[in-house]
Amino acid sequence: MHPNLKIMMVSTEYPPMHGGVGRFTYNLVKSLRLINLEVRVVSDLHGTGDYHGISPFNKQNSEILQSITQEYKPDIVHIQHEHGLYGFNLNPLLPFLTNTGLDKFYDKCTVPIVTTFHTSMCFKQWMQLIDTKNGNSKDWMRLNLLYKYWKQLINYSSLHRINKQIMSKSAYGIVFSNHMKSLIPGTNIVYHGSTPWPTTIDTTQKEARKKLGLPQTGRLALAQGFFTSTKGWDIIKNMRMPLNWKLVVNYSKNFYNTEGADLDLKNSKINDQIINLGKQYLTEEELSLLFISSDATFLPYKVSSGSGIMFDGLGHGKPFISSNLDFFKEFTQFGLGIVSSRTPYSFQKAFVKLEKNYKKFETNVKEFKRNLDWNTIARQHYLIYENILEKQNASKKISQERITN
């Protein structure tokens, strides 16, 4: 193992801030430290990073990171890249001027950068990011909404241009799936880790349900996560679960989200089949108990570059039912879940199919989840860091030999 390897991990979002990227980064950092790597975290002031100052609203993110890099002198800078977490400035007239708050840092940093890409998507999903739920049919006549659509439309190419530029300036690029790899050429797959919280490893499903006050009998599907319009949970109101199934719902807002977090399930057609847990943001232990309590994760998403909840479910041995987005389709090839057209009836049929073949799906997931162990993920990251430094040292040696000769 490379002695005294120093990693500077960058993520604006970091606990106790609520957010999927922050939670992923926290678990990765914890796992890297367990294999004796020195990792220091740069985060928003509201996170418990070792260094602070970066945020989606700070126009000096690049300068702050450059200053910290010079002070800490890391061997590797590892950036958890989600465009909006560092400022994603869409130009409504000249899309080639669209930029992020990290562009200057990528240009100037002399330390090798590893980038984990959390977002890329096809055109249809990109356009669905526009929030129109507060409007009405007359909004199409309003310049504000037309402006939003126009700005989003002409900047689809900017999303991919920026990802491509970032990849070209990174020593290594990481994504969570082949789907993302196809959208960002040159990247490599390292799965999103997921391991049950240590105190819950020996907990049975009945014990977990008792602790959370959930029914002891029947199947439970789980819709869990941060509330956004792209999660597609609005469809829950019109669904009907098959016999022996209930749907457990638990949601909260992530730190930077401005959307209202209210699903309003009171008038749902399946009100008697929905259990609104109402615990909002969960600790790692509570989250593990919730996954252990469930029999499947339910992911009716409208947009997804990658789903930490899907990986969490798989890491706890649970198959999934999802909308038929390309990201989810990839994992059905391993027999880990079922994708469905995004209609209530199609999802109902998917649950019936899962029930009939549950043992098969359960066996497939049990086999696959070995790939998601956080210790395994941490060691894969270590090998990436080590290989980068070995190549860098070899390159320096060749350069010195040329100078000498």
Protein backbone atom coordinates (compact mmCIF):
# COMPACT_ATOMS: atom_id res chain seq x y z
CA MET A 1 0.00 0.00 0.00
CA HIS A 2 1.26 3.45 -0.93
CA PRO A 3 2.58 5.04 2.32
CA ASN A 4 0.91 8.21 3.61
CA LEU A 5 -1.46 8.56 0.66
CA LYS A 6 -3.39 11.83 1.05
CA ILE A 7 -6.82 12.26 -0.57
CA MET A 8 -8.72 15.54 -0.77
CA MET A 9 -12.41 14.63 -1.13
CA VAL A 10 -14.64 17.39 -2.51
CA SER A 11 -18.42 17.53 -2.02
CA THR A 12 -20.40 20.64 -1.12
CA GLU A 13 -23.07 18.34 0.31
CA TYR A 14 -21.89 16.46 3.40
CA PRO A 15 -23.57 15.29 6.63
CA PRO A 16 -25.32 16.51 8.65
CA MET A 17 -26.59 18.15 5.45
CA HIS A 18 -29.29 15.99 3.86
CA GLY A 19 -28.57 14.74 0.35
CA GLY A 20 -27.74 11.64 -1.64
CA VAL A 21 -24.32 12.81 -2.86
CA GLY A 22 -23.36 13.85 0.66
CA ARG A 23 -24.44 10.52 2.12
CA PHE A 24 -22.52 8.61 -0.57
CA THR A 25 -19.41 10.71 0.07
CA TYR A 26 -19.66 10.19 3.83
CA ASN A 27 -19.81 6.40 3.47
CA LEU A 28 -16.96 6.37 0.95
CA VAL A 29 -14.76 8.54 3.17
CA LYS A 30 -15.50 6.37 6.21
CA SER A 31 -14.59 3.24 4.24
CA LEU A 32 -11.37 4.74 2.86
CA ARG A 33 -10.30 5.75 6.36
CA LEU A 34 -10.95 2.20 7.58
CA ILE A 35 -8.27 0.97 5.16
CA ASN A 36 -5.89 3.58 6.58
CA LEU A 37 -6.02 6.26 3.89
CA GLU A 38 -5.74 9.87 4.98
CA VAL A 39 -8.83 11.64 3.64
CA ARG A 40 -9.78 15.25 4.23
CA VAL A 41 -13.15 16.53 3.09
CA VAL A 42 -13.97 19.92 1.57
CA SER A 43 -17.65 20.77 2.04
CA ASP A 44 -20.21 23.51 2.48
CA LEU A 45 -20.03 25.41 5.77
CA HIS A 46 -23.09 23.44 6.94
CA GLY A 47 -21.29 20.10 6.50
CA THR A 48 -18.74 18.52 8.82
CA GLY A 49 -15.90 18.59 6.31
CA ASP A 50 -12.31 19.33 7.33
CA TYR A 51 -12.33 22.42 5.09
CA HIS A 52 -15.26 24.67 4.23
CA GLY A 53 -16.33 27.47 1.93
CA ILE A 54 -17.63 25.87 -1.26
CA SER A 55 -21.34 25.99 -2.10
CA PRO A 56 -23.65 26.15 -5.15
CA PHE A 57 -23.89 29.91 -4.62
CA ASN A 58 -20.23 30.79 -4.13
CA LYS A 59 -18.66 32.13 -7.30
CA GLN A 60 -15.20 31.54 -5.80
CA ASN A 61 -15.41 27.73 -5.53
CA SER A 62 -12.45 27.19 -7.85
CA GLU A 63 -10.27 29.68 -6.02
CA ILE A 64 -11.18 28.17 -2.63
CA LEU A 65 -10.32 24.66 -3.81
CA GLN A 66 -7.05 25.87 -5.33
CA SER A 67 -6.10 27.49 -2.02
CA ILE A 68 -6.95 24.35 0.00
CA THR A 69 -5.00 22.20 -2.45
CA GLN A 70 -1.92 24.37 -1.99
CA GLU A 71 -2.28 24.22 1.80
CA TYR A 72 -3.02 20.49 2.19
CA LYS A 73 -0.86 19.22 -0.69
CA PRO A 74 -2.87 16.06 -1.43
CA ASP A 75 -1.69 13.27 -3.70
CA ILE A 76 -5.16 13.01 -5.28
CA VAL A 77 -8.14 15.35 -5.46
CA HIS A 78 -11.40 13.39 -5.71
CA ILE A 79 -14.44 15.44 -6.77
CA GLN A 80 -18.00 14.19 -6.34
CA HIS A 81 -19.41 15.97 -9.36
CA GLU A 82 -23.07 16.96 -9.48
CA HIS A 83 -23.44 20.10 -11.61
CA GLY A 84 -25.88 21.89 -9.35
CA LEU A 85 -23.81 21.38 -6.21
CA TYR A 86 -21.11 23.75 -7.41
CA GLY A 87 -23.16 26.19 -9.47
CA PHE A 88 -24.43 25.34 -12.95
CA ASN A 89 -24.88 28.59 -14.85
CA LEU A 90 -27.04 28.06 -17.94
CA ASN A 91 -26.62 30.81 -20.53
CA PRO A 92 -30.01 31.45 -22.23
CA LEU A 93 -28.49 32.88 -25.43
CA LEU A 94 -24.99 31.49 -25.86
CA PRO A 95 -24.89 27.90 -24.56
CA PHE A 96 -21.15 27.64 -25.23
CA LEU A 97 -20.75 30.11 -22.34
CA THR A 98 -22.64 27.86 -19.90
CA ASN A 99 -20.28 26.91 -17.09
CA THR A 100 -19.92 25.43 -13.62
CA GLY A 101 -18.21 26.73 -10.51
CA LEU A 102 -15.40 24.20 -10.88
CA ASP A 103 -14.26 24.91 -14.45
CA LYS A 104 -11.32 27.09 -13.41
CA PHE A 105 -10.17 24.56 -10.84
CA TYR A 106 -10.11 21.76 -13.41
CA ASP A 107 -8.08 24.05 -15.70
CA LYS A 108 -5.49 25.06 -13.10
CA CYS A 109 -5.15 22.13 -10.69
CA THR A 110 -1.77 20.39 -11.00
CA VAL A 111 -2.73 17.51 -8.67
CA PRO A 112 -4.34 14.48 -10.39
CA ILE A 113 -8.13 14.68 -10.19
CA VAL A 114 -10.49 11.72 -9.90
CA THR A 115 -14.08 12.65 -10.80
CA THR A 116 -17.15 10.66 -9.81
CA PHE A 117 -19.94 11.77 -12.16
CA HIS A 118 -23.35 11.69 -10.52
CA THR A 119 -25.36 13.15 -13.41
CA SER A 120 -25.82 12.78 -17.14
CA MET A 121 -29.00 12.05 -19.03
CA CYS A 122 -30.80 11.77 -22.34
CA PHE A 123 -32.73 14.68 -23.85
CA LYS A 124 -36.19 13.58 -22.66
CA GLN A 125 -35.09 13.37 -19.03
CA TRP A 126 -33.17 16.66 -19.30
CA MET A 127 -36.33 18.48 -20.36
CA GLN A 128 -38.33 16.89 -17.54
CA LEU A 129 -36.15 18.69 -15.02
CA ILE A 130 -38.24 21.82 -15.63
CA ASP A 131 -40.66 22.24 -12.74
CA THR A 132 -44.11 23.25 -14.04
CA LYS A 133 -46.28 21.92 -11.21
CA ASN A 134 -47.05 25.39 -9.86
CA GLY A 135 -48.42 26.56 -13.16
CA ASN A 136 -51.57 25.97 -15.21
CA SER A 137 -52.53 25.72 -18.88
CA LYS A 138 -52.18 29.48 -19.28
CA ASP A 139 -48.55 29.29 -18.25
CA TRP A 140 -47.67 28.36 -21.81
CA MET A 141 -48.58 31.94 -22.67
CA ARG A 142 -46.27 33.31 -20.06
CA LEU A 143 -42.78 34.40 -20.97
CA ASN A 144 -41.30 33.03 -17.76
CA LEU A 145 -42.22 29.43 -18.55
CA LEU A 146 -41.24 29.78 -22.20
CA TYR A 147 -37.92 31.19 -21.03
CA LYS A 148 -37.34 28.14 -18.80
CA TYR A 149 -38.05 25.75 -21.64
CA TRP A 150 -35.87 27.68 -24.06
CA LYS A 151 -32.93 27.85 -21.66
CA GLN A 152 -33.19 24.14 -20.92
CA LEU A 153 -33.58 23.23 -24.59
CA ILE A 154 -30.52 25.03 -25.92
CA ASN A 155 -28.34 23.87 -23.02
CA TYR A 156 -28.77 20.12 -23.43
CA SER A 157 -25.54 20.07 -25.42
CA SER A 158 -23.89 22.11 -22.65
CA LEU A 159 -24.49 19.31 -20.15
CA HIS A 160 -22.56 16.85 -22.30
CA ARG A 161 -19.92 19.38 -23.34
CA ILE A 162 -19.10 20.15 -19.71
CA ASN A 163 -19.01 16.47 -18.73
CA LYS A 164 -16.67 15.80 -21.67
CA GLN A 165 -14.40 18.68 -20.69
CA ILE A 166 -14.28 17.55 -17.08
CA MET A 167 -13.44 14.01 -18.13
CA SER A 168 -10.63 15.25 -20.38
CA LYS A 169 -9.08 17.08 -17.41
CA SER A 170 -9.49 14.18 -14.97
CA ALA A 171 -6.92 11.48 -14.40
CA TYR A 172 -9.80 9.04 -13.92
CA GLY A 173 -13.59 9.19 -14.24
CA ILE A 174 -16.02 7.04 -12.25
CA VAL A 175 -19.68 6.28 -12.95
CA PHE A 176 -22.13 3.82 -11.38
CA SER A 177 -23.40 2.07 -14.51
CA ASN A 178 -22.81 1.18 -18.16
CA HIS A 179 -25.65 3.55 -18.98
CA MET A 180 -23.70 6.47 -17.52
CA LYS A 181 -20.50 5.20 -19.11
CA SER A 182 -22.14 5.42 -22.54
CA LEU A 183 -23.14 9.03 -21.83
CA ILE A 184 -19.67 10.03 -20.60
CA PRO A 185 -17.05 8.23 -22.75
CA GLY A 186 -13.78 7.39 -21.06
CA THR A 187 -15.28 6.76 -17.64
CA ASN A 188 -15.11 3.51 -15.69
CA ILE A 189 -17.66 1.71 -13.52
CA VAL A 190 -17.32 1.50 -9.76
CA TYR A 191 -20.66 0.69 -8.17
CA HIS A 192 -22.35 2.78 -5.49
CA GLY A 193 -21.59 0.97 -2.23
CA SER A 194 -24.20 -0.34 0.17
CA THR A 195 -23.71 -2.33 3.36
CA PRO A 196 -26.21 -2.80 6.22
CA TRP A 197 -25.39 -0.73 9.28
CA PRO A 198 -23.26 -2.90 11.64
CA THR A 199 -25.82 -2.99 14.47
CA THR A 200 -28.52 -4.29 12.09
CA ILE A 201 -26.64 -7.11 10.34
CA ASP A 202 -28.22 -9.87 12.45
CA THR A 203 -31.65 -8.22 12.69
CA THR A 204 -34.52 -10.28 11.27
CA GLN A 205 -37.30 -8.77 9.18
CA LYS A 206 -39.82 -9.29 11.99
CA GLU A 207 -37.54 -7.56 14.50
CA ALA A 208 -36.96 -4.64 12.14
CA ARG A 209 -40.68 -4.24 11.49
CA LYS A 210 -41.42 -4.31 15.21
CA LYS A 211 -38.86 -1.56 15.88
CA LEU A 212 -40.42 0.64 13.18
CA GLY A 213 -44.04 -0.18 14.04
CA LEU A 214 -44.72 -1.85 10.68
CA PRO A 215 -47.07 -4.81 10.01
CA GLN A 216 -45.62 -8.21 10.88
CA THR A 217 -47.34 -9.99 7.99
CA GLY A 218 -47.57 -9.45 4.25
CA ARG A 219 -45.21 -7.93 1.71
CA LEU A 220 -43.95 -4.35 2.01
CA ALA A 221 -42.67 -2.28 -0.90
CA LEU A 222 -40.60 0.76 -0.01
CA ALA A 223 -40.66 4.23 -1.59
CA GLN A 224 -37.93 6.08 0.27
CA GLY A 225 -35.76 9.09 -0.45
CA PHE A 226 -35.53 12.81 -1.00
CA PHE A 227 -38.70 14.39 -2.34
CA THR A 228 -38.46 15.91 -5.82
CA SER A 229 -40.91 16.04 -8.71
CA THR A 230 -38.60 13.80 -10.75
CA LYS A 231 -39.07 10.91 -8.28
CA GLY A 232 -42.49 10.34 -9.84
CA TRP A 233 -44.25 9.56 -6.59
CA ASP A 234 -47.34 11.42 -7.79
CA ILE A 235 -48.38 8.15 -9.45
CA ILE A 236 -48.81 6.50 -6.05
CA LYS A 237 -52.17 8.23 -5.59
CA ASN A 238 -53.62 6.37 -8.57
CA MET A 239 -52.15 2.94 -7.94
CA ARG A 240 -53.66 -0.16 -6.43
CA MET A 241 -51.34 -2.64 -4.80
CA PRO A 242 -51.97 -6.38 -5.34
CA LEU A 243 -53.17 -8.61 -2.52
CA ASN A 244 -50.65 -9.16 0.26
CA TRP A 245 -48.71 -5.97 -0.61
CA LYS A 246 -48.60 -2.58 1.12
CA LEU A 247 -46.49 0.44 0.21
CA VAL A 248 -44.35 2.12 2.87
CA VAL A 249 -43.53 5.74 2.03
CA ASN A 250 -40.90 7.88 3.73
CA TYR A 251 -39.47 11.09 2.31
CA SER A 252 -37.65 14.26 3.25
CA LYS A 253 -36.08 17.30 1.58
CA ASN A 254 -32.40 17.42 0.74
CA PHE A 255 -30.47 20.46 1.90
CA TYR A 256 -30.51 22.51 -1.30
CA ASN A 257 -33.96 21.49 -2.56
CA THR A 258 -36.52 24.30 -2.80
CA GLU A 259 -39.49 22.08 -3.71
CA GLY A 260 -42.23 21.55 -1.14
CA ALA A 261 -41.99 18.07 0.38
CA ASP A 262 -45.66 17.11 0.60
CA LEU A 263 -47.00 14.06 -1.19
CA ASP A 264 -50.59 14.61 0.05
CA LEU A 265 -51.74 10.99 0.06
CA LYS A 266 -54.98 11.59 1.99
CA ASN A 267 -57.15 11.29 -1.12
CA SER A 268 -55.24 8.40 -2.63
CA LYS A 269 -57.21 5.52 -4.15
CA ILE A 270 -55.10 3.12 -2.08
CA ASN A 271 -55.05 5.02 1.21
CA ASP A 272 -55.63 1.76 3.08
CA GLN A 273 -52.62 0.22 1.33
CA ILE A 274 -50.17 3.04 2.06
CA ILE A 275 -48.16 3.39 5.24
CA ASN A 276 -46.70 6.88 5.53
CA LEU A 277 -43.83 6.34 7.95
CA GLY A 278 -43.39 10.07 8.45
CA LYS A 279 -39.88 9.80 9.88
CA GLN A 280 -38.38 12.09 7.21
CA TYR A 281 -34.55 11.98 7.19
CA LEU A 282 -33.28 8.72 8.69
CA THR A 283 -30.04 7.80 10.41
CA GLU A 284 -27.95 5.08 8.76
CA GLU A 285 -29.20 2.59 11.35
CA GLU A 286 -32.86 3.53 10.81
CA LEU A 287 -32.41 3.33 7.05
CA SER A 288 -30.97 -0.18 7.31
CA LEU A 289 -33.89 -1.24 9.52
CA LEU A 290 -36.32 0.14 6.95
CA PHE A 291 -34.71 -1.80 4.09
CA ILE A 292 -34.61 -4.97 6.20
CA SER A 293 -38.33 -4.49 6.93
CA SER A 294 -39.21 -4.26 3.24
CA ASP A 295 -39.45 -6.87 0.50
CA ALA A 296 -38.75 -4.60 -2.49
CA THR A 297 -37.91 -1.00 -3.37
CA PHE A 298 -40.33 0.96 -5.55
CA LEU A 299 -38.75 3.49 -7.92
CA PRO A 300 -41.34 5.10 -10.26
CA TYR A 301 -38.85 7.79 -11.30
CA LYS A 302 -39.31 10.16 -14.23
CA VAL A 303 -35.59 10.98 -14.31
CA SER A 304 -32.58 9.03 -13.04
CA SER A 305 -28.87 9.07 -13.79
CA GLY A 306 -28.31 6.66 -10.93
CA SER A 307 -30.24 5.63 -7.86
CA GLY A 308 -28.60 5.34 -4.46
CA ILE A 309 -31.89 3.94 -3.13
CA MET A 310 -31.79 1.11 -5.68
CA PHE A 311 -28.22 0.28 -4.62
CA ASP A 312 -29.19 0.51 -0.95
CA GLY A 313 -32.04 -1.89 -1.53
CA LEU A 314 -29.79 -4.34 -3.38
CA GLY A 315 -27.16 -4.05 -0.63
CA HIS A 316 -29.82 -5.15 1.85
CA GLY A 317 -30.90 -8.03 -0.38
CA LYS A 318 -34.06 -6.43 -1.83
CA PRO A 319 -35.10 -6.50 -5.51
CA PHE A 320 -36.67 -3.45 -7.13
CA ILE A 321 -39.60 -2.39 -9.29
CA SER A 322 -38.99 0.74 -11.32
CA SER A 323 -40.04 2.80 -14.30
CA ASN A 324 -38.41 1.71 -17.55
CA LEU A 325 -35.51 4.17 -17.59
CA ASP A 326 -32.24 3.02 -19.15
CA PHE A 327 -30.36 3.09 -15.85
CA PHE A 328 -32.77 0.62 -14.24
CA LYS A 329 -33.01 -1.55 -17.36
CA GLU A 330 -29.30 -2.29 -17.05
CA PHE A 331 -29.75 -3.97 -13.67
CA THR A 332 -32.73 -6.05 -14.74
CA GLN A 333 -30.26 -7.89 -16.99
CA PHE A 334 -28.80 -9.37 -13.79
CA GLY A 335 -32.27 -10.43 -12.64
CA LEU A 336 -32.29 -7.87 -9.82
CA GLY A 337 -35.64 -6.24 -10.50
CA ILE A 338 -38.46 -5.46 -12.91
CA VAL A 339 -38.95 -2.36 -15.04
CA SER A 340 -42.42 -1.25 -16.04
CA SER A 341 -44.22 1.34 -18.11
CA ARG A 342 -44.99 4.25 -15.84
CA THR A 343 -48.70 3.54 -15.37
CA PRO A 344 -50.56 2.32 -12.26
CA TYR A 345 -51.75 -0.88 -13.95
CA SER A 346 -48.29 -1.74 -15.29
CA PHE A 347 -46.75 -1.32 -11.85
CA GLN A 348 -49.47 -3.49 -10.33
CA LYS A 349 -48.65 -6.24 -12.83
CA ALA A 350 -44.96 -5.88 -12.00
CA PHE A 351 -45.66 -6.51 -8.32
CA VAL A 352 -47.68 -9.61 -9.22
CA LYS A 353 -44.77 -10.86 -11.34
CA LEU A 354 -42.31 -10.17 -8.54
CA GLU A 355 -44.47 -12.09 -6.07
CA LYS A 356 -44.62 -15.14 -8.34
CA ASN A 357 -40.84 -15.17 -8.88
CA TYR A 358 -39.66 -13.70 -5.59
CA LYS A 359 -37.25 -16.49 -4.63
CA LYS A 360 -35.45 -16.21 -7.96
CA PHE A 361 -35.03 -12.45 -7.64
CA GLU A 362 -33.96 -12.80 -4.01
CA THR A 363 -31.23 -15.30 -4.98
CA ASN A 364 -29.94 -13.05 -7.77
CA VAL A 365 -29.78 -10.03 -5.47
CA LYS A 366 -28.01 -11.99 -2.75
CA GLU A 367 -25.31 -12.93 -5.26
CA PHE A 368 -24.98 -9.43 -6.72
CA LYS A 369 -24.82 -7.52 -3.44
CA ARG A 370 -21.30 -8.83 -2.79
CA ASN A 371 -20.18 -6.28 -5.39
CA LEU A 372 -21.56 -3.44 -3.27
CA ASP A 373 -19.74 -4.04 0.01
CA TRP A 374 -18.22 -0.71 1.09
CA ASN A 375 -14.90 -2.33 1.94
CA THR A 376 -14.71 -3.68 -1.62
CA ILE A 377 -15.64 -0.28 -3.05
CA ALA A 378 -13.00 1.46 -0.91
CA ARG A 379 -10.27 -0.94 -2.08
CA GLN A 380 -11.28 -0.38 -5.70
CA HIS A 381 -10.85 3.35 -5.12
CA TYR A 382 -7.47 2.79 -3.49
CA LEU A 383 -6.25 0.86 -6.54
CA ILE A 384 -7.41 3.71 -8.78
CA TYR A 385 -5.49 6.26 -6.71
CA GLU A 386 -2.39 4.06 -6.58
CA ASN A 387 -2.37 3.42 -10.34
CA ILE A 388 -2.65 7.14 -11.06
CA LEU A 389 0.34 7.90 -8.85
CA GLU A 390 2.38 5.05 -10.33
CA LYS A 391 1.74 6.39 -13.83
CA GLN A 392 2.60 9.90 -12.67
CA ASN A 393 5.87 8.74 -11.09
CA ALA A 394 6.78 6.72 -14.19
CA SER A 395 6.13 9.77 -16.37
CA LYS A 396 8.33 11.96 -14.14
CA LYS A 397 11.10 9.37 -14.26
CA ILE A 398 11.02 9.27 -18.07
CA SER A 399 11.10 13.09 -18.22
CA GLN A 400 14.11 13.24 -15.88
CA GLU A 401 15.95 10.61 -17.92
CA ARG A 402 15.39 12.64 -21.07
CA ILE A 403 16.75 15.75 -19.38
CA THR A 404 19.79 13.83 -18.10
CA ASN A 405 20.49 12.35 -21.51
